[in-house]
Amino acid sequence: MLPPMSDTHRQRSAVIFGARNLGRAIVERLRADGWAVTAVARSDSTLQTASAAGAVALRGDVTDTDSVRAALDEAAGAHGGVDLIVNAASAYGGSRTGPFGGGPLADAAPDAFDAWAAAPGRAAFTFLSASARFALEQGRPGTLIQVTGGSSRRAMPGRGLWAAGAFGVRAITQAAALELRERGIHVALLIVDAGIEPFEDGTGDPAKADPREIAQAVVFLAEQGARAATHELQVTPLAERWLP
């Protein structure tokens, strides 16, 4: 269980789903800025890493509504509420066999749609649905951020199934933003239009996004005021191809 809140002045509190790579960078950045952070993950290794980074580590699954809500309730009970909720987890169904992105449609395996298209959309729905209910019941301003990739903006040959899932994530997030903005709840889609460099890689590939710099974008979204809210933010390395 999380420890009870004891500070007279409540810290800003965040719950991050997925803390292995990008999520880990977000955890470390928020902790450096003085946030109380709860990291939710499934694997022991990720939980240990999140704990070492200063987060309270909870085992949970972003694809399960009850698990999402339980993590939010536990963090709120410990810290007097939750100000920021981020889904940085990668969620896919099936075994993900075959080419990356599902492959050409004429060659795709029968179960490829579930793994590459249905699973990401379902995970975004679960995250946003449970988080929206929590935020509405909490009854105060807050920020929900869903992370996705550049395929949410365009399809590519051989990756149509991947794009179908990312398009679904974008649509669900847009709907959540429209439904919650008048209630003072800021919903944003963070599009990372590039591969993300592994947190501990250190190779500095200029065409890959640095997870630490993406974490800065999360902070930017979380600290926006009600009179200048961004609902979609795209980040693309200068060395990567950019398409308007």
Protein backbone atom coordinates (compact mmCIF):
# COMPACT_ATOMS: atom_id res chain seq x y z
CA MET A 1 0.00 0.00 0.00
CA LEU A 2 1.04 3.60 -0.55
CA PRO A 3 1.95 5.68 2.49
CA PRO A 4 -0.65 8.25 3.63
CA MET A 5 -0.23 11.91 2.74
CA SER A 6 1.43 13.85 5.54
CA ASP A 7 2.55 17.16 3.98
CA THR A 8 0.60 20.28 4.92
CA HIS A 9 0.91 21.52 1.35
CA ARG A 10 0.09 18.81 -1.14
CA GLN A 11 2.63 17.93 -3.80
CA ARG A 12 1.54 17.77 -7.39
CA SER A 13 0.85 14.14 -8.10
CA ALA A 14 1.19 12.10 -11.30
CA VAL A 15 0.37 8.54 -12.30
CA ILE A 16 2.37 7.11 -15.20
CA PHE A 17 1.28 3.90 -16.91
CA GLY A 18 4.29 2.20 -18.45
CA ALA A 19 7.70 3.05 -17.03
CA ARG A 20 10.18 0.97 -18.99
CA ASN A 21 11.54 3.51 -21.49
CA LEU A 22 9.66 6.73 -22.19
CA GLY A 23 7.70 6.27 -18.99
CA ARG A 24 10.94 6.00 -17.04
CA ALA A 25 12.16 9.30 -18.50
CA ILE A 26 8.85 10.92 -17.54
CA VAL A 27 9.12 9.55 -14.00
CA GLU A 28 12.64 10.90 -13.58
CA ARG A 29 11.78 14.33 -14.98
CA LEU A 30 8.70 14.74 -12.80
CA ARG A 31 10.54 13.57 -9.70
CA ALA A 32 13.30 16.10 -10.43
CA ASP A 33 10.62 18.80 -10.57
CA GLY A 34 9.25 17.78 -7.18
CA TRP A 35 6.21 15.77 -8.22
CA ALA A 36 4.95 12.77 -6.29
CA VAL A 37 4.92 10.02 -8.92
CA THR A 38 3.21 6.66 -9.04
CA ALA A 39 4.43 4.34 -11.80
CA VAL A 40 2.22 1.47 -12.93
CA ALA A 41 3.72 -1.46 -14.82
CA ARG A 42 3.39 -5.21 -15.23
CA SER A 43 6.96 -6.53 -15.07
CA ASP A 44 9.14 -6.86 -11.99
CA SER A 45 12.12 -5.28 -13.73
CA THR A 46 10.16 -2.18 -14.73
CA LEU A 47 8.69 -1.83 -11.24
CA GLN A 48 12.17 -2.06 -9.71
CA THR A 49 13.50 0.58 -12.11
CA ALA A 50 10.61 2.93 -11.37
CA SER A 51 11.11 2.51 -7.65
CA ALA A 52 14.83 3.25 -8.00
CA ALA A 53 13.89 6.45 -9.87
CA GLY A 54 11.88 7.64 -6.86
CA ALA A 55 8.38 6.61 -7.88
CA VAL A 56 5.93 4.52 -5.91
CA ALA A 57 5.72 1.38 -8.05
CA LEU A 58 2.38 -0.38 -8.45
CA ARG A 59 1.71 -3.52 -10.41
CA GLY A 60 -1.12 -2.91 -12.85
CA ASP A 61 -2.34 -3.25 -16.40
CA VAL A 62 -3.46 -0.30 -18.52
CA THR A 63 -5.65 -2.63 -20.59
CA ASP A 64 -7.79 -3.47 -17.54
CA THR A 65 -10.31 -0.86 -16.38
CA ASP A 66 -10.36 -2.02 -12.77
CA SER A 67 -6.56 -2.01 -12.63
CA VAL A 68 -6.36 1.55 -13.96
CA ARG A 69 -8.95 2.80 -11.49
CA ALA A 70 -7.33 1.00 -8.55
CA ALA A 71 -3.98 2.65 -9.28
CA LEU A 72 -5.56 6.10 -9.56
CA ASP A 73 -7.53 5.67 -6.34
CA GLU A 74 -4.45 4.48 -4.46
CA ALA A 75 -2.33 7.40 -5.68
CA ALA A 76 -5.10 9.88 -4.85
CA GLY A 77 -5.45 8.47 -1.37
CA ALA A 78 -1.75 8.84 -0.71
CA HIS A 79 -1.24 12.27 -2.23
CA GLY A 80 -4.57 14.00 -1.81
CA GLY A 81 -5.46 13.75 -5.50
CA VAL A 82 -3.94 13.25 -8.93
CA ASP A 83 -3.02 16.16 -11.22
CA LEU A 84 -1.51 14.32 -14.19
CA ILE A 85 -2.23 10.90 -15.72
CA VAL A 86 -0.07 9.62 -18.59
CA ASN A 87 -0.35 6.50 -20.69
CA ALA A 88 3.15 5.77 -21.99
CA ALA A 89 2.61 2.01 -22.09
CA SER A 90 2.89 -0.03 -25.26
CA ALA A 91 -0.10 -2.36 -25.54
CA TYR A 92 -0.47 -5.04 -28.18
CA GLY A 93 -2.44 -8.25 -28.36
CA GLY A 94 -1.40 -11.60 -29.71
CA SER A 95 2.11 -12.70 -30.44
CA ARG A 96 2.97 -9.92 -32.93
CA THR A 97 4.44 -12.40 -35.37
CA GLY A 98 5.40 -11.38 -38.87
CA PRO A 99 6.68 -8.02 -40.15
CA PHE A 100 6.65 -4.90 -38.02
CA GLY A 101 3.31 -3.12 -38.39
CA GLY A 102 1.50 -6.21 -39.62
CA GLY A 103 2.94 -6.35 -43.13
CA PRO A 104 1.18 -5.87 -46.48
CA LEU A 105 -2.55 -6.42 -46.16
CA ALA A 106 -2.53 -9.16 -48.80
CA ASP A 107 0.01 -11.11 -46.74
CA ALA A 108 -1.09 -10.30 -43.18
CA ALA A 109 -1.76 -13.19 -40.81
CA PRO A 110 -5.38 -13.76 -39.69
CA ASP A 111 -4.62 -12.62 -36.13
CA ALA A 112 -2.54 -9.60 -37.18
CA PHE A 113 -5.42 -7.13 -36.87
CA ASP A 114 -6.00 -7.96 -33.22
CA ALA A 115 -2.32 -7.57 -32.39
CA TRP A 116 -1.51 -4.45 -34.38
CA ALA A 117 -4.79 -2.54 -34.71
CA ALA A 118 -7.39 -3.60 -32.16
CA ALA A 119 -5.14 -3.85 -29.10
CA PRO A 120 -3.75 -0.26 -29.09
CA GLY A 121 -7.21 1.25 -29.57
CA ARG A 122 -8.63 -0.93 -26.83
CA ALA A 123 -5.84 0.08 -24.44
CA ALA A 124 -6.40 3.78 -25.16
CA PHE A 125 -10.11 3.35 -24.56
CA THR A 126 -9.51 1.58 -21.26
CA PHE A 127 -7.03 4.21 -20.10
CA LEU A 128 -9.12 7.22 -21.11
CA SER A 129 -12.44 5.80 -19.99
CA ALA A 130 -11.24 4.90 -16.50
CA SER A 131 -9.17 8.08 -16.16
CA ALA A 132 -12.07 10.27 -17.32
CA ARG A 133 -14.42 8.80 -14.74
CA PHE A 134 -11.80 9.27 -12.06
CA ALA A 135 -11.10 12.87 -13.09
CA LEU A 136 -14.80 13.78 -13.18
CA GLU A 137 -15.39 12.28 -9.76
CA GLN A 138 -12.30 14.03 -8.41
CA GLY A 139 -13.99 17.28 -9.42
CA ARG A 140 -11.01 19.51 -10.12
CA PRO A 141 -8.72 20.42 -13.03
CA GLY A 142 -6.26 17.82 -14.22
CA THR A 143 -4.38 16.62 -17.30
CA LEU A 144 -4.65 13.30 -19.16
CA ILE A 145 -1.98 12.51 -21.77
CA GLN A 146 -2.09 9.63 -24.24
CA VAL A 147 1.15 8.91 -26.11
CA THR A 148 1.11 7.53 -29.66
CA GLY A 149 3.28 7.41 -32.77
CA GLY A 150 3.42 9.15 -36.13
CA SER A 151 1.23 6.49 -37.72
CA SER A 152 -1.69 8.27 -36.07
CA ARG A 153 -1.25 10.91 -38.81
CA ARG A 154 -0.70 8.76 -41.91
CA ALA A 155 -0.59 5.19 -43.15
CA MET A 156 2.47 3.58 -44.68
CA PRO A 157 2.83 0.58 -47.02
CA GLY A 158 3.19 -2.60 -45.01
CA ARG A 159 2.05 -0.88 -41.81
CA GLY A 160 -1.64 -0.36 -42.46
CA LEU A 161 -2.68 -2.37 -39.40
CA TRP A 162 -0.32 -0.39 -37.18
CA ALA A 163 -1.80 2.84 -38.57
CA ALA A 164 -5.35 1.60 -38.05
CA GLY A 165 -4.60 1.16 -34.36
CA ALA A 166 -2.87 4.54 -34.08
CA PHE A 167 -5.74 6.28 -35.92
CA GLY A 168 -8.09 4.71 -33.38
CA VAL A 169 -5.99 5.97 -30.48
CA ARG A 170 -6.08 9.46 -31.96
CA ALA A 171 -9.86 9.39 -32.47
CA ILE A 172 -10.58 8.18 -28.95
CA THR A 173 -8.28 10.83 -27.48
CA GLN A 174 -9.90 13.58 -29.52
CA ALA A 175 -13.32 12.47 -28.29
CA ALA A 176 -12.12 12.52 -24.68
CA ALA A 177 -10.69 16.04 -25.16
CA LEU A 178 -14.00 17.29 -26.56
CA GLU A 179 -16.02 15.67 -23.80
CA LEU A 180 -13.89 16.84 -20.88
CA ARG A 181 -12.53 20.26 -21.80
CA GLU A 182 -15.63 22.14 -20.62
CA ARG A 183 -15.29 20.38 -17.28
CA GLY A 184 -11.81 21.83 -16.80
CA ILE A 185 -10.00 18.57 -17.63
CA HIS A 186 -7.22 18.87 -20.19
CA VAL A 187 -6.79 15.85 -22.51
CA ALA A 188 -3.85 15.80 -24.91
CA LEU A 189 -2.44 13.43 -27.50
CA LEU A 190 1.36 13.42 -27.61
CA ILE A 191 2.48 12.17 -31.04
CA VAL A 192 6.09 10.98 -31.20
CA ASP A 193 6.77 10.86 -34.93
CA ALA A 194 9.97 8.82 -34.76
CA GLY A 195 11.46 5.82 -33.10
CA ILE A 196 12.28 6.40 -29.45
CA GLU A 197 15.85 5.73 -28.39
CA PRO A 198 16.12 3.21 -25.55
CA PHE A 199 16.56 5.04 -22.26
CA GLU A 200 19.98 3.60 -21.53
CA ASP A 201 21.19 3.35 -25.13
CA GLY A 202 23.20 6.56 -25.16
CA THR A 203 24.12 6.28 -28.84
CA GLY A 204 22.56 9.66 -29.60
CA ASP A 205 21.04 8.64 -32.94
CA PRO A 206 19.84 12.04 -34.27
CA ALA A 207 16.92 10.45 -36.12
CA LYS A 208 15.51 8.90 -32.95
CA ALA A 209 13.59 10.81 -30.31
CA ASP A 210 15.33 11.24 -26.96
CA PRO A 211 12.93 10.01 -24.24
CA ARG A 212 14.20 12.71 -21.89
CA GLU A 213 13.23 15.43 -24.34
CA ILE A 214 9.80 13.86 -24.83
CA ALA A 215 9.43 13.97 -21.05
CA GLN A 216 9.90 17.74 -21.27
CA ALA A 217 6.94 17.84 -23.66
CA VAL A 218 4.85 16.02 -21.04
CA VAL A 219 5.75 18.66 -18.46
CA PHE A 220 4.86 21.40 -20.96
CA LEU A 221 1.39 19.90 -21.45
CA ALA A 222 0.88 19.31 -17.74
CA GLU A 223 1.69 22.89 -16.82
CA GLN A 224 -0.51 24.62 -19.38
CA GLY A 225 -3.24 26.88 -18.10
CA ALA A 226 -6.93 26.75 -18.98
CA ARG A 227 -6.57 29.67 -21.41
CA ALA A 228 -3.94 28.04 -23.62
CA ALA A 229 -4.49 24.28 -23.79
CA THR A 230 -2.85 22.08 -26.42
CA HIS A 231 -4.86 19.00 -27.37
CA GLU A 232 -2.37 17.54 -29.84
CA LEU A 233 1.40 17.96 -29.74
CA GLN A 234 3.71 16.34 -32.29
CA VAL A 235 7.45 15.98 -31.74
CA THR A 236 9.82 15.00 -34.57
CA PRO A 237 13.64 14.95 -34.49
CA LEU A 238 15.16 17.38 -36.98
CA ALA A 239 17.14 14.53 -38.56
CA GLU A 240 13.96 12.53 -39.19
CA ARG A 241 11.64 13.09 -42.14
CA TRP A 242 8.84 15.53 -41.32
CA LEU A 243 5.59 15.65 -43.28
CA PRO A 244 3.14 18.51 -42.64
